[in-house]
C-alpha atoms as a PDB file:
ATOM      1  CA  ALA A   1     -27.035  58.424 137.751  1.00  0.00           C
ATOM      2  CA  GLY A   2     -25.810  54.621 137.605  1.00  0.00           C
ATOM      3  CA  THR A   3     -22.070  56.225 136.984  1.00  0.00           C
ATOM      4  CA  ALA A   4     -23.035  58.201 140.460  1.00  0.00           C
ATOM      5  CA  GLU A   5     -24.808  55.564 141.923  1.00  0.00           C
ATOM      6  CA  ALA A   6     -21.712  53.275 141.323  1.00  0.00           C
ATOM      7  CA  ALA A   7     -19.448  55.827 142.512  1.00  0.00           C
ATOM      8  CA  PHE A   8     -21.130  56.219 145.929  1.00  0.00           C
ATOM      9  CA  VAL A   9     -21.169  52.341 146.200  1.00  0.00           C
ATOM     10  CA  THR A  10     -17.708  51.908 145.596  1.00  0.00           C
ATOM     11  CA  GLY A  11     -16.727  54.950 147.616  1.00  0.00           C
ATOM     12  CA  PRO A  12     -15.754  55.419 151.054  1.00  0.00           C
ATOM     13  CA  ALA A  13     -17.928  53.662 153.492  1.00  0.00           C
ATOM     14  CA  LYS A  14     -19.528  56.278 155.035  1.00  0.00           C
ATOM     15  CA  LEU A  15     -21.170  57.293 152.092  1.00  0.00           C
ATOM     16  CA  ARG A  16     -22.389  54.076 150.449  1.00  0.00           C
ATOM     17  CA  LYS A  17     -25.958  54.136 152.331  1.00  0.00           C
ATOM     18  CA  TYR A  18     -26.289  57.651 150.116  1.00  0.00           C
ATOM     19  CA  SER A  19     -26.009  55.595 146.575  1.00  0.00           C
ATOM     20  CA  VAL A  20     -29.676  54.989 145.960  1.00  0.00           C
ATOM     21  CA  ILE A  21     -30.939  59.233 147.176  1.00  0.00           C
ATOM     22  CA  VAL A  22     -27.643  60.187 144.901  1.00  0.00           C
ATOM     23  CA  ARG A  23     -28.910  58.163 141.907  1.00  0.00           C
ATOM     24  CA  GLU A  24     -32.574  59.278 142.034  1.00  0.00           C
ATOM     25  CA  PHE A  25     -31.357  62.816 142.432  1.00  0.00           C
ATOM     26  CA  VAL A  26     -28.886  62.944 139.678  1.00  0.00           C
ATOM     27  CA  ASP A  27     -31.631  61.337 137.577  1.00  0.00           C
ATOM     28  CA  SER A  28     -34.579  63.591 138.654  1.00  0.00           C
ATOM     29  CA  ALA A  29     -31.640  66.468 137.311  1.00  0.00           C
ATOM     30  CA  LEU A  30     -31.363  65.017 134.185  1.00  0.00           C
ATOM     31  CA  MET A  31     -34.944  65.124 133.528  1.00  0.00           C
ATOM     32  CA  ILE A  32     -35.058  68.457 134.736  1.00  0.00           C
ATOM     33  CA  THR A  33     -32.254  70.023 132.820  1.00  0.00           C
ATOM     34  CA  TYR A  34     -32.693  68.288 129.308  1.00  0.00           C
ATOM     35  CA  TYR A  35     -37.294  68.862 129.865  1.00  0.00           C
ATOM     36  CA  PHE A  36     -36.300  72.589 130.133  1.00  0.00           C
ATOM     37  CA  GLY A  37     -33.615  72.379 127.716  1.00  0.00           C
ATOM     38  CA  THR A  38     -36.673  70.822 125.101  1.00  0.00           C
ATOM     39  CA  THR A  39     -38.323  73.895 126.563  1.00  0.00           C
ATOM     40  CA  VAL A  40     -36.376  76.353 125.628  1.00  0.00           C
ATOM     41  CA  TYR A  41     -36.674  74.774 121.956  1.00  0.00           C
ATOM     42  CA  ILE A  42     -39.786  75.362 121.793  1.00  0.00           C
ATOM     43  CA  VAL A  43     -39.612  78.936 122.789  1.00  0.00           C
ATOM     44  CA  PHE A  44     -37.073  80.063 119.721  1.00  0.00           C
ATOM     45  CA  ILE A  45     -38.933  78.343 117.076  1.00  0.00           C
ATOM     46  CA  ALA A  46     -41.952  80.083 118.357  1.00  0.00           C
ATOM     47  CA  SER A  47     -40.055  82.904 118.136  1.00  0.00           C
ATOM     48  CA  THR A  48     -38.360  82.929 114.865  1.00  0.00           C
ATOM     49  CA  THR A  49     -41.427  82.190 113.691  1.00  0.00           C
ATOM     50  CA  LYS A  50     -42.976  85.412 115.068  1.00  0.00           C
ATOM     51  CA  GLN A  51     -40.438  87.284 113.706  1.00  0.00           C
ATOM     52  CA  ILE A  52     -40.995  85.670 110.120  1.00  0.00           C
ATOM     53  CA  VAL A  53     -44.805  85.945 110.048  1.00  0.00           C
ATOM     54  CA  GLU A  54     -43.949  89.790 111.352  1.00  0.00           C
ATOM     55  CA  SER A  55     -42.074  90.365 108.752  1.00  0.00           C
ATOM     56  CA  HIS A  56     -44.046  89.461 105.707  1.00  0.00           C
ATOM     57  CA  TRP A  57     -47.596  90.846 107.335  1.00  0.00           C
ATOM     58  CA  ASN A  58     -48.936  93.303 109.559  1.00  0.00           C
ATOM     59  CA  VAL A  59     -49.438  92.289 112.287  1.00  0.00           C
ATOM     60  CA  ASP A  60     -48.801  91.728 116.197  1.00  0.00           C
ATOM     61  CA  ILE A  61     -49.422  89.030 117.772  1.00  0.00           C
ATOM     62  CA  ASN A  62     -48.833  87.843 121.250  1.00  0.00           C
ATOM     63  CA  PRO A  63     -45.551  86.125 121.934  1.00  0.00           C
ATOM     64  CA  ARG A  64     -47.643  82.594 123.584  1.00  0.00           C
ATOM     65  CA  LEU A  65     -49.969  82.714 120.499  1.00  0.00           C
ATOM     66  CA  TYR A  66     -46.881  81.184 118.419  1.00  0.00           C
ATOM     67  CA  VAL A  67     -46.007  79.073 121.448  1.00  0.00           C
ATOM     68  CA  LEU A  68     -49.655  77.451 121.539  1.00  0.00           C
ATOM     69  CA  MET A  69     -48.976  77.081 117.727  1.00  0.00           C
ATOM     70  CA  THR A  70     -45.453  75.183 117.976  1.00  0.00           C
ATOM     71  CA  ALA A  71     -47.518  72.686 120.324  1.00  0.00           C
ATOM     72  CA  LEU A  72     -49.373  72.005 117.013  1.00  0.00           C
ATOM     73  CA  VAL A  73     -45.793  70.598 115.349  1.00  0.00           C
ATOM     74  CA  ILE A  74     -43.847  69.681 118.359  1.00  0.00           C
ATOM     75  CA  VAL A  75     -46.192  66.642 119.504  1.00  0.00           C
ATOM     76  CA  PRO A  76     -46.380  64.794 116.684  1.00  0.00           C
ATOM     77  CA  VAL A  77     -42.035  64.522 116.547  1.00  0.00           C
ATOM     78  CA  GLY A  78     -41.537  64.573 120.704  1.00  0.00           C
ATOM     79  CA  SER A  79     -44.144  61.116 120.218  1.00  0.00           C
ATOM     80  CA  ILE A  80     -41.575  59.133 117.783  1.00  0.00           C
ATOM     81  CA  ARG A  81     -40.224  56.427 120.350  1.00  0.00           C
ATOM     82  CA  ARG A  82     -37.955  54.581 118.972  1.00  0.00           C
ATOM     83  CA  LEU A  83     -34.561  56.140 117.545  1.00  0.00           C
ATOM     84  CA  LYS A  84     -33.902  54.644 114.977  1.00  0.00           C
ATOM     85  CA  PHE A  85     -37.210  56.875 113.453  1.00  0.00           C
ATOM     86  CA  LEU A  86     -35.404  59.529 114.329  1.00  0.00           C
ATOM     87  CA  VAL A  87     -32.164  59.039 112.798  1.00  0.00           C
ATOM     88  CA  PRO A  88     -32.897  60.951 109.475  1.00  0.00           C
ATOM     89  CA  PHE A  89     -34.548  63.804 111.160  1.00  0.00           C
ATOM     90  CA  SER A  90     -30.864  64.493 113.587  1.00  0.00           C
ATOM     91  CA  PHE A  91     -29.015  64.169 110.494  1.00  0.00           C
ATOM     92  CA  VAL A  92     -31.916  66.321 108.700  1.00  0.00           C
ATOM     93  CA  ALA A  93     -31.586  68.902 111.337  1.00  0.00           C
ATOM     94  CA  ILE A  94     -27.417  68.448 111.151  1.00  0.00           C
ATOM     95  CA  ILE A  95     -27.608  69.763 107.706  1.00  0.00           C
ATOM     96  CA  PHE A  96     -30.006  72.920 107.887  1.00  0.00           C
ATOM     97  CA  LEU A  97     -27.754  74.134 111.086  1.00  0.00           C
ATOM     98  CA  PHE A  98     -24.447  73.919 108.835  1.00  0.00           C
ATOM     99  CA  ILE A  99     -26.294  75.570 106.044  1.00  0.00           C
ATOM    100  CA  GLY A 100     -27.595  77.953 108.366  1.00  0.00           C
ATOM    101  CA  CYS A 101     -25.205  78.950 110.426  1.00  0.00           C
ATOM    102  CA  THR A 102     -23.185  79.986 106.874  1.00  0.00           C
ATOM    103  CA  PHE A 103     -25.623  81.975 106.295  1.00  0.00           C
ATOM    104  CA  VAL A 104     -25.431  83.506 109.511  1.00  0.00           C
ATOM    105  CA  LEU A 105     -21.427  83.775 109.045  1.00  0.00           C
ATOM    106  CA  TYR A 106     -22.172  85.325 105.233  1.00  0.00           C
ATOM    107  CA  GLU A 107     -24.527  88.109 106.831  1.00  0.00           C
ATOM    108  CA  VAL A 108     -22.279  88.993 110.151  1.00  0.00           C
ATOM    109  CA  PHE A 109     -19.365  89.308 107.781  1.00  0.00           C
ATOM    110  CA  SER A 110     -20.274  92.401 105.567  1.00  0.00           C
ATOM    111  CA  ASP A 111     -20.405  95.698 106.215  1.00  0.00           C
ATOM    112  CA  LEU A 112     -18.772  94.671 109.784  1.00  0.00           C
ATOM    113  CA  PRO A 113     -17.961  97.963 112.525  1.00  0.00           C
ATOM    114  CA  PRO A 114     -14.886  98.943 113.492  1.00  0.00           C
ATOM    115  CA  PHE A 115     -13.573  97.446 116.293  1.00  0.00           C
ATOM    116  CA  THR A 116     -13.887 100.704 117.826  1.00  0.00           C
ATOM    117  CA  SER A 117     -17.681 101.285 117.893  1.00  0.00           C
ATOM    118  CA  ARG A 118     -18.243  98.108 120.524  1.00  0.00           C
ATOM    119  CA  PRO A 119     -17.601  98.012 124.008  1.00  0.00           C
ATOM    120  CA  ALA A 120     -14.541  96.030 125.004  1.00  0.00           C
ATOM    121  CA  PHE A 121     -16.635  95.241 128.470  1.00  0.00           C
ATOM    122  CA  THR A 122     -20.489  96.696 129.014  1.00  0.00           C
ATOM    123  CA  SER A 123     -20.973  96.205 133.306  1.00  0.00           C
ATOM    124  CA  ILE A 124     -19.551  93.540 135.349  1.00  0.00           C
ATOM    125  CA  GLN A 125     -23.436  93.093 136.158  1.00  0.00           C
ATOM    126  CA  ARG A 126     -23.761  91.113 133.114  1.00  0.00           C
ATOM    127  CA  LEU A 127     -21.185  88.943 133.608  1.00  0.00           C
ATOM    128  CA  PRO A 128     -23.559  86.197 135.823  1.00  0.00           C
ATOM    129  CA  LEU A 129     -25.676  86.072 132.891  1.00  0.00           C
ATOM    130  CA  PHE A 130     -23.326  85.495 130.087  1.00  0.00           C
ATOM    131  CA  TYR A 131     -21.366  82.576 132.684  1.00  0.00           C
ATOM    132  CA  ALA A 132     -25.076  81.138 132.345  1.00  0.00           C
ATOM    133  CA  THR A 133     -25.658  81.486 128.557  1.00  0.00           C
ATOM    134  CA  VAL A 134     -21.936  79.460 127.787  1.00  0.00           C
ATOM    135  CA  LEU A 135     -23.039  76.692 130.373  1.00  0.00           C
ATOM    136  CA  PHE A 136     -26.637  76.092 128.339  1.00  0.00           C
ATOM    137  CA  ALA A 137     -24.214  76.256 125.320  1.00  0.00           C
ATOM    138  CA  LEU A 138     -21.593  73.755 126.271  1.00  0.00           C
ATOM    139  CA  GLU A 139     -22.538  71.723 128.623  1.00  0.00           C
ATOM    140  CA  GLY A 140     -22.838  67.900 127.266  1.00  0.00           C
ATOM    141  CA  ILE A 141     -22.698  65.874 130.165  1.00  0.00           C
ATOM    142  CA  GLY A 142     -25.528  63.865 128.828  1.00  0.00           C
ATOM    143  CA  THR A 143     -24.614  62.829 126.138  1.00  0.00           C
ATOM    144  CA  VAL A 144     -20.214  62.124 126.905  1.00  0.00           C
ATOM    145  CA  LEU A 145     -21.080  58.480 128.709  1.00  0.00           C
ATOM    146  CA  PRO A 146     -23.174  57.045 126.348  1.00  0.00           C
ATOM    147  CA  ILE A 147     -20.740  58.194 123.338  1.00  0.00           C
ATOM    148  CA  GLU A 148     -18.112  56.202 125.028  1.00  0.00           C
ATOM    149  CA  ASN A 149     -19.585  53.454 125.806  1.00  0.00           C
ATOM    150  CA  VAL A 150     -20.417  52.507 122.344  1.00  0.00           C
ATOM    151  CA  MET A 151     -17.275  53.600 120.621  1.00  0.00           C
ATOM    152  CA  LYS A 152     -15.056  51.213 119.268  1.00  0.00           C
ATOM    153  CA  LYS A 153     -12.466  51.928 121.067  1.00  0.00           C
ATOM    154  CA  PRO A 154     -13.989  54.521 123.712  1.00  0.00           C
ATOM    155  CA  GLN A 155      -9.610  54.894 125.223  1.00  0.00           C
ATOM    156  CA  HIS A 156      -9.493  57.288 122.317  1.00  0.00           C
ATOM    157  CA  PHE A 157     -12.379  59.303 123.641  1.00  0.00           C
ATOM    158  CA  LEU A 158      -9.793  61.265 126.346  1.00  0.00           C
ATOM    159  CA  GLY A 159      -7.230  62.980 126.518  1.00  0.00           C
ATOM    160  CA  CYS A 160      -4.771  64.897 123.775  1.00  0.00           C
ATOM    161  CA  PRO A 161      -6.215  64.598 121.422  1.00  0.00           C
ATOM    162  CA  GLY A 162      -8.802  62.251 122.639  1.00  0.00           C
ATOM    163  CA  VAL A 163     -12.462  62.845 120.834  1.00  0.00           C
ATOM    164  CA  LEU A 164     -13.930  64.617 123.814  1.00  0.00           C
ATOM    165  CA  ASN A 165     -11.171  67.578 123.558  1.00  0.00           C
ATOM    166  CA  VAL A 166     -11.372  68.362 119.576  1.00  0.00           C
ATOM    167  CA  ALA A 167     -15.294  68.485 119.981  1.00  0.00           C
ATOM    168  CA  MET A 168     -14.503  70.968 122.505  1.00  0.00           C
ATOM    169  CA  THR A 169     -12.225  73.183 120.788  1.00  0.00           C
ATOM    170  CA  VAL A 170     -14.456  73.040 118.090  1.00  0.00           C
ATOM    171  CA  LEU A 171     -17.440  73.870 119.324  1.00  0.00           C
ATOM    172  CA  VAL A 172     -15.460  76.689 121.451  1.00  0.00           C
ATOM    173  CA  PHE A 173     -13.783  77.939 118.432  1.00  0.00           C
ATOM    174  CA  ILE A 174     -17.504  78.240 116.567  1.00  0.00           C
ATOM    175  CA  TYR A 175     -19.072  80.178 119.541  1.00  0.00           C
ATOM    176  CA  THR A 176     -16.330  82.609 119.667  1.00  0.00           C
ATOM    177  CA  ILE A 177     -16.236  83.289 116.711  1.00  0.00           C
ATOM    178  CA  MET A 178     -20.138  83.436 116.384  1.00  0.00           C
ATOM    179  CA  GLY A 179     -20.619  85.686 119.501  1.00  0.00           C
ATOM    180  CA  PHE A 180     -17.275  87.959 119.144  1.00  0.00           C
ATOM    181  CA  PHE A 181     -17.797  89.191 115.159  1.00  0.00           C
ATOM    182  CA  GLY A 182     -22.249  89.145 116.198  1.00  0.00           C
ATOM    183  CA  TYR A 183     -21.756  91.349 119.092  1.00  0.00           C
ATOM    184  CA  LEU A 184     -19.153  93.648 116.926  1.00  0.00           C
ATOM    185  CA  LYS A 185     -22.005  93.812 113.991  1.00  0.00           C
ATOM    186  CA  TYR A 186     -25.009  94.004 116.358  1.00  0.00           C
ATOM    187  CA  GLY A 187     -24.107  95.573 119.698  1.00  0.00           C
ATOM    188  CA  GLU A 188     -26.050  96.141 121.823  1.00  0.00           C
ATOM    189  CA  GLU A 189     -29.221  94.455 120.409  1.00  0.00           C
ATOM    190  CA  THR A 190     -27.045  91.131 119.705  1.00  0.00           C
ATOM    191  CA  ALA A 191     -30.690  88.883 120.569  1.00  0.00           C
ATOM    192  CA  GLY A 192     -31.147  85.403 122.552  1.00  0.00           C
ATOM    193  CA  SER A 193     -29.984  84.250 119.325  1.00  0.00           C
ATOM    194  CA  ILE A 194     -28.036  85.689 116.427  1.00  0.00           C
ATOM    195  CA  SER A 195     -30.539  84.286 114.106  1.00  0.00           C
ATOM    196  CA  LEU A 196     -32.578  86.328 115.174  1.00  0.00           C
ATOM    197  CA  ASN A 197     -31.370  89.608 114.584  1.00  0.00           C
ATOM    198  CA  LEU A 198     -31.164  88.739 110.444  1.00  0.00           C
ATOM    199  CA  ASN A 199     -32.715  91.469 108.325  1.00  0.00           C
ATOM    200  CA  SER A 200     -35.890  90.593 106.215  1.00  0.00           C
ATOM    201  CA  SER A 201     -33.715  89.986 103.335  1.00  0.00           C
ATOM    202  CA  VAL A 202     -33.742  86.544 101.390  1.00  0.00           C
ATOM    203  CA  ILE A 203     -31.149  85.040 103.163  1.00  0.00           C
ATOM    204  CA  GLY A 204     -32.227  86.384 106.868  1.00  0.00           C
ATOM    205  CA  GLU A 205     -35.673  85.079 106.036  1.00  0.00           C
ATOM    206  CA  VAL A 206     -34.331  80.971 104.673  1.00  0.00           C
ATOM    207  CA  VAL A 207     -31.355  81.049 107.899  1.00  0.00           C
ATOM    208  CA  LYS A 208     -34.685  81.475 109.447  1.00  0.00           C
ATOM    209  CA  VAL A 209     -36.144  79.097 108.701  1.00  0.00           C
ATOM    210  CA  LEU A 210     -33.756  76.617 108.160  1.00  0.00           C
ATOM    211  CA  VAL A 211     -32.218  77.185 111.778  1.00  0.00           C
ATOM    212  CA  ALA A 212     -35.844  76.987 113.191  1.00  0.00           C
ATOM    213  CA  LEU A 213     -36.141  73.443 111.341  1.00  0.00           C
ATOM    214  CA  ASN A 214     -33.221  72.124 112.927  1.00  0.00           C
ATOM    215  CA  VAL A 215     -34.340  72.729 116.388  1.00  0.00           C
ATOM    216  CA  LEU A 216     -37.768  70.941 115.124  1.00  0.00           C
ATOM    217  CA  CYS A 217     -36.000  67.990 114.074  1.00  0.00           C
ATOM    218  CA  SER A 218     -33.264  68.165 116.997  1.00  0.00           C
ATOM    219  CA  TYR A 219     -36.652  68.312 119.356  1.00  0.00           C
ATOM    220  CA  GLY A 220     -37.575  64.627 119.148  1.00  0.00           C
ATOM    221  CA  LEU A 221     -33.711  63.378 119.830  1.00  0.00           C
ATOM    222  CA  CYS A 222     -33.276  65.914 123.149  1.00  0.00           C
ATOM    223  CA  PHE A 223     -36.862  64.316 124.018  1.00  0.00           C
ATOM    224  CA  CYS A 224     -36.242  61.009 124.509  1.00  0.00           C
ATOM    225  CA  VAL A 225     -33.369  61.437 127.645  1.00  0.00           C
ATOM    226  CA  PRO A 226     -36.091  63.493 130.152  1.00  0.00           C
ATOM    227  CA  SER A 227     -39.177  60.997 128.973  1.00  0.00           C
ATOM    228  CA  GLU A 228     -37.469  57.932 128.866  1.00  0.00           C
ATOM    229  CA  ILE A 229     -36.201  58.827 132.757  1.00  0.00           C
ATOM    230  CA  VAL A 230     -39.966  59.325 134.135  1.00  0.00           C
ATOM    231  CA  TRP A 231     -40.969  56.401 131.591  1.00  0.00           C
ATOM    232  CA  ARG A 232     -38.992  54.240 133.691  1.00  0.00           C
ATOM    233  CA  LYS A 233     -39.953  55.443 136.876  1.00  0.00           C
ATOM    234  CA  LEU A 234     -43.693  54.920 135.672  1.00  0.00           C
ATOM    235  CA  ASN A 235     -43.343  51.832 133.796  1.00  0.00           C
ATOM    236  CA  PRO A 236     -43.444  49.430 136.872  1.00  0.00           C
ATOM    237  CA  ARG A 237     -46.294  50.687 137.751  1.00  0.00           C
ATOM    238  CA  VAL A 238     -48.646  50.459 134.710  1.00  0.00           C
ATOM    239  CA  ARG A 239     -50.228  47.079 133.618  1.00  0.00           C
ATOM    240  CA  GLU A 240     -48.934  45.275 130.691  1.00  0.00           C
ATOM    241  CA  GLU A 241     -51.953  45.700 128.421  1.00  0.00           C
ATOM    242  CA  ASN A 242     -51.821  49.852 129.367  1.00  0.00           C
ATOM    243  CA  LYS A 243     -48.546  50.593 129.246  1.00  0.00           C
ATOM    244  CA  THR A 244     -48.619  51.489 125.086  1.00  0.00           C
ATOM    245  CA  ARG A 245     -51.478  54.169 125.552  1.00  0.00           C
ATOM    246  CA  ALA A 246     -49.750  55.240 129.380  1.00  0.00           C
ATOM    247  CA  TYR A 247     -46.465  56.040 127.128  1.00  0.00           C
ATOM    248  CA  TYR A 248     -47.511  57.999 124.534  1.00  0.00           C
ATOM    249  CA  THR A 249     -50.211  59.499 127.052  1.00  0.00           C
ATOM    250  CA  MET A 250     -46.904  60.385 129.151  1.00  0.00           C
ATOM    251  CA  ARG A 251     -44.660  62.051 126.548  1.00  0.00           C
ATOM    252  CA  ILE A 252     -48.012  63.979 124.702  1.00  0.00           C
ATOM    253  CA  LEU A 253     -48.704  65.213 128.681  1.00  0.00           C
ATOM    254  CA  MET A 254     -44.606  66.237 128.942  1.00  0.00           C
ATOM    255  CA  ILE A 255     -44.760  68.276 125.794  1.00  0.00           C
ATOM    256  CA  LEU A 256     -48.033  70.084 126.416  1.00  0.00           C
ATOM    257  CA  SER A 257     -46.378  71.130 129.910  1.00  0.00           C
ATOM    258  CA  ALA A 258     -43.602  72.394 128.643  1.00  0.00           C
ATOM    259  CA  VAL A 259     -45.463  74.401 126.020  1.00  0.00           C
ATOM    260  CA  VAL A 260     -47.150  76.287 128.868  1.00  0.00           C
ATOM    261  CA  VAL A 261     -43.886  76.674 130.325  1.00  0.00           C
ATOM    262  CA  ALA A 262     -42.454  78.663 127.358  1.00  0.00           C
ATOM    263  CA  CYS A 263     -45.872  80.672 127.634  1.00  0.00           C
ATOM    264  CA  ALA A 264     -45.137  81.842 130.484  1.00  0.00           C
ATOM    265  CA  LEU A 265     -41.419  82.532 129.504  1.00  0.00           C
ATOM    266  CA  PRO A 266     -41.190  83.193 126.333  1.00  0.00           C
ATOM    267  CA  ASP A 267     -38.506  85.112 125.453  1.00  0.00           C
ATOM    268  CA  LEU A 268     -35.150  83.405 124.854  1.00  0.00           C
ATOM    269  CA  GLU A 269     -33.059  85.193 126.435  1.00  0.00           C
ATOM    270  CA  PRO A 270     -33.317  84.830 130.144  1.00  0.00           C
ATOM    271  CA  PHE A 271     -34.752  82.032 130.027  1.00  0.00           C
ATOM    272  CA  VAL A 272     -31.101  80.239 128.720  1.00  0.00           C
ATOM    273  CA  GLY A 273     -29.710  82.150 130.936  1.00  0.00           C
ATOM    274  CA  LEU A 274     -31.636  80.587 134.581  1.00  0.00           C
ATOM    275  CA  CYS A 275     -31.901  77.367 132.635  1.00  0.00           C
ATOM    276  CA  GLY A 276     -28.036  77.332 132.098  1.00  0.00           C
ATOM    277  CA  ALA A 277     -27.391  79.185 136.258  1.00  0.00           C
ATOM    278  CA  ILE A 278     -29.008  76.129 137.164  1.00  0.00           C
ATOM    279  CA  CYS A 279     -29.729  73.183 135.755  1.00  0.00           C
ATOM    280  CA  TYR A 280     -26.949  72.781 133.382  1.00  0.00           C
ATOM    281  CA  SER A 281     -24.528  73.781 135.648  1.00  0.00           C
ATOM    282  CA  THR A 282     -25.493  71.636 138.324  1.00  0.00           C
ATOM    283  CA  LEU A 283     -25.370  68.817 135.705  1.00  0.00           C
ATOM    284  CA  GLY A 284     -22.037  69.938 134.318  1.00  0.00           C
ATOM    285  CA  LEU A 285     -20.275  71.150 137.273  1.00  0.00           C
ATOM    286  CA  LEU A 286     -21.294  70.018 140.580  1.00  0.00           C
ATOM    287  CA  PHE A 287     -22.440  65.615 139.140  1.00  0.00           C
ATOM    288  CA  PRO A 288     -19.070  65.001 137.893  1.00  0.00           C
ATOM    289  CA  SER A 289     -17.218  66.750 140.738  1.00  0.00           C
ATOM    290  CA  VAL A 290     -18.803  65.364 143.366  1.00  0.00           C
ATOM    291  CA  ILE A 291     -18.296  62.073 141.531  1.00  0.00           C
ATOM    292  CA  ASP A 292     -14.563  62.116 140.481  1.00  0.00           C
ATOM    293  CA  LEU A 293     -14.210  62.787 144.434  1.00  0.00           C
ATOM    294  CA  VAL A 294     -16.053  60.019 145.957  1.00  0.00           C
ATOM    295  CA  THR A 295     -14.497  57.915 143.706  1.00  0.00           C
ATOM    296  CA  PHE A 296     -10.754  58.674 144.274  1.00  0.00           C
ATOM    297  CA  TRP A 297     -10.806  60.132 147.544  1.00  0.00           C
ATOM    298  CA  GLU A 298      -8.536  57.357 149.529  1.00  0.00           C
ATOM    299  CA  ASP A 299      -6.674  57.188 145.487  1.00  0.00           C
ATOM    300  CA  LYS A 300      -3.447  59.451 147.006  1.00  0.00           C
ATOM    301  CA  GLU A 301      -1.726  58.494 143.316  1.00  0.00           C
ATOM    302  CA  TYR A 302      -4.407  59.478 141.207  1.00  0.00           C
ATOM    303  CA  MET A 303      -5.253  62.847 143.454  1.00  0.00           C
ATOM    304  CA  GLY A 304      -2.024  63.859 141.393  1.00  0.00           C
ATOM    305  CA  PRO A 305       1.565  65.955 143.578  1.00  0.00           C
ATOM    306  CA  GLY A 306       0.264  67.960 146.686  1.00  0.00           C
ATOM    307  CA  ARG A 307      -4.200  66.244 145.869  1.00  0.00           C
ATOM    308  CA  TRP A 308      -3.600  68.680 142.879  1.00  0.00           C
ATOM    309  CA  LYS A 309      -6.844  67.326 141.424  1.00  0.00           C
ATOM    310  CA  LEU A 310      -9.280  67.784 144.744  1.00  0.00           C
ATOM    311  CA  TYR A 311      -8.293  71.699 144.546  1.00  0.00           C
ATOM    312  CA  LYS A 312      -9.534  70.713 140.687  1.00  0.00           C
ATOM    313  CA  ASN A 313     -12.715  69.989 141.618  1.00  0.00           C
ATOM    314  CA  VAL A 314     -13.160  72.109 144.822  1.00  0.00           C
ATOM    315  CA  PHE A 315     -12.640  74.831 142.434  1.00  0.00           C
ATOM    316  CA  LEU A 316     -15.599  73.645 139.635  1.00  0.00           C
ATOM    317  CA  MET A 317     -17.927  73.213 142.641  1.00  0.00           C
ATOM    318  CA  LEU A 318     -17.132  76.772 143.231  1.00  0.00           C
ATOM    319  CA  MET A 319     -17.384  77.386 139.957  1.00  0.00           C
ATOM    320  CA  TRP A 320     -21.025  75.691 140.298  1.00  0.00           C
ATOM    321  CA  LEU A 321     -22.201  77.780 143.821  1.00  0.00           C
ATOM    322  CA  ILE A 322     -21.560  81.536 141.147  1.00  0.00           C
ATOM    323  CA  ALA A 323     -23.857  80.181 138.642  1.00  0.00           C
ATOM    324  CA  LEU A 324     -26.243  78.660 140.634  1.00  0.00           C
ATOM    325  CA  THR A 325     -26.555  82.453 142.894  1.00  0.00           C
ATOM    326  CA  ALA A 326     -25.461  85.457 140.684  1.00  0.00           C
ATOM    327  CA  GLY A 327     -26.520  83.970 136.982  1.00  0.00           C
ATOM    328  CA  THR A 328     -30.256  82.708 138.775  1.00  0.00           C
ATOM    329  CA  GLN A 329     -29.849  85.990 139.935  1.00  0.00           C
ATOM    330  CA  ALA A 330     -28.950  87.905 137.036  1.00  0.00           C
ATOM    331  CA  SER A 331     -31.752  85.635 135.158  1.00  0.00           C
ATOM    332  CA  VAL A 332     -34.397  86.282 137.542  1.00  0.00           C
ATOM    333  CA  ALA A 333     -33.552  90.014 136.922  1.00  0.00           C
ATOM    334  CA  LYS A 334     -33.705  89.849 133.483  1.00  0.00           C
ATOM    335  CA  ILE A 335     -36.928  87.862 133.553  1.00  0.00           C
ATOM    336  CA  VAL A 336     -38.742  91.009 136.220  1.00  0.00           C
ATOM    337  CA  GLU A 337     -36.854  93.318 133.461  1.00  0.00           C
ATOM    338  CA  THR A 338     -38.914  92.090 130.731  1.00  0.00           C
ATOM    339  CA  TYR A 339     -41.853  90.744 131.731  1.00  0.00           C
ATOM    340  CA  ALA A 340     -42.611  94.293 134.630  1.00  0.00           C
END
């Protein structure tokens, strides 16, 4: 938000009066994006718990009850305020994720069917949902600037091979391998998370538990973004003696409201697509393009030969518009199909 405000303050004169509005808009978008991102975490933990319970006991419980049970562990984790207390959770989450991904790949590569058993492309109607899901998975604009700002040598963040490019290359490679071979293994039955496709074997159950614990341990750190934005707005309006009580009340109410949203949409796949189409596309495609244009609008040298960077930003805005319209439509249609 501060970056967007600074871009408009120093940008074209006609746009400077909108700097405060832009800051508030970006702040709100950040809060909404990461708030719904953490809501997806709740849905995932509940879905995994449901699978594990129903594979061992002959019960059929409404998935919304699992969401409510998830709140019992989410509220304490989400109430941790100090980042230094969240670091151990984050470290443990990375270990769980690494072990879980290793087991997932082992299961996926076991008894793979031939490539000819799956269609290379299903239907163009499902492409917008795929696009929105990819945006949800790969968008990380909320952490880019904070990481660069605390680096000992921030000049190594961008460029080739910069920290950002190396990290994104590794992420894209992992997602591609997991997505391609996961679909080859499970076909049209592929779930919103590949771990939900694993069978009830010992390895399958261990992976589900590890991945769910990874998400649980990551929740507190991710929840810091929306909670701190909201608290920054509320803090000046609260008396000093009531600040601590008000802060924790705010966090608990935010978590419980996320639980309510998760109860309304307890199915993982369409919810992820909807978040990606509306929230993550705006944060990852629209805002960076607009900020870049406003900052360097009058810098012809930066824009490059033929002002190609201008057209690059326009292209990204068009991609945002496609994600917002087609992705949202596809996700809403999937939600209606799921709950109709």
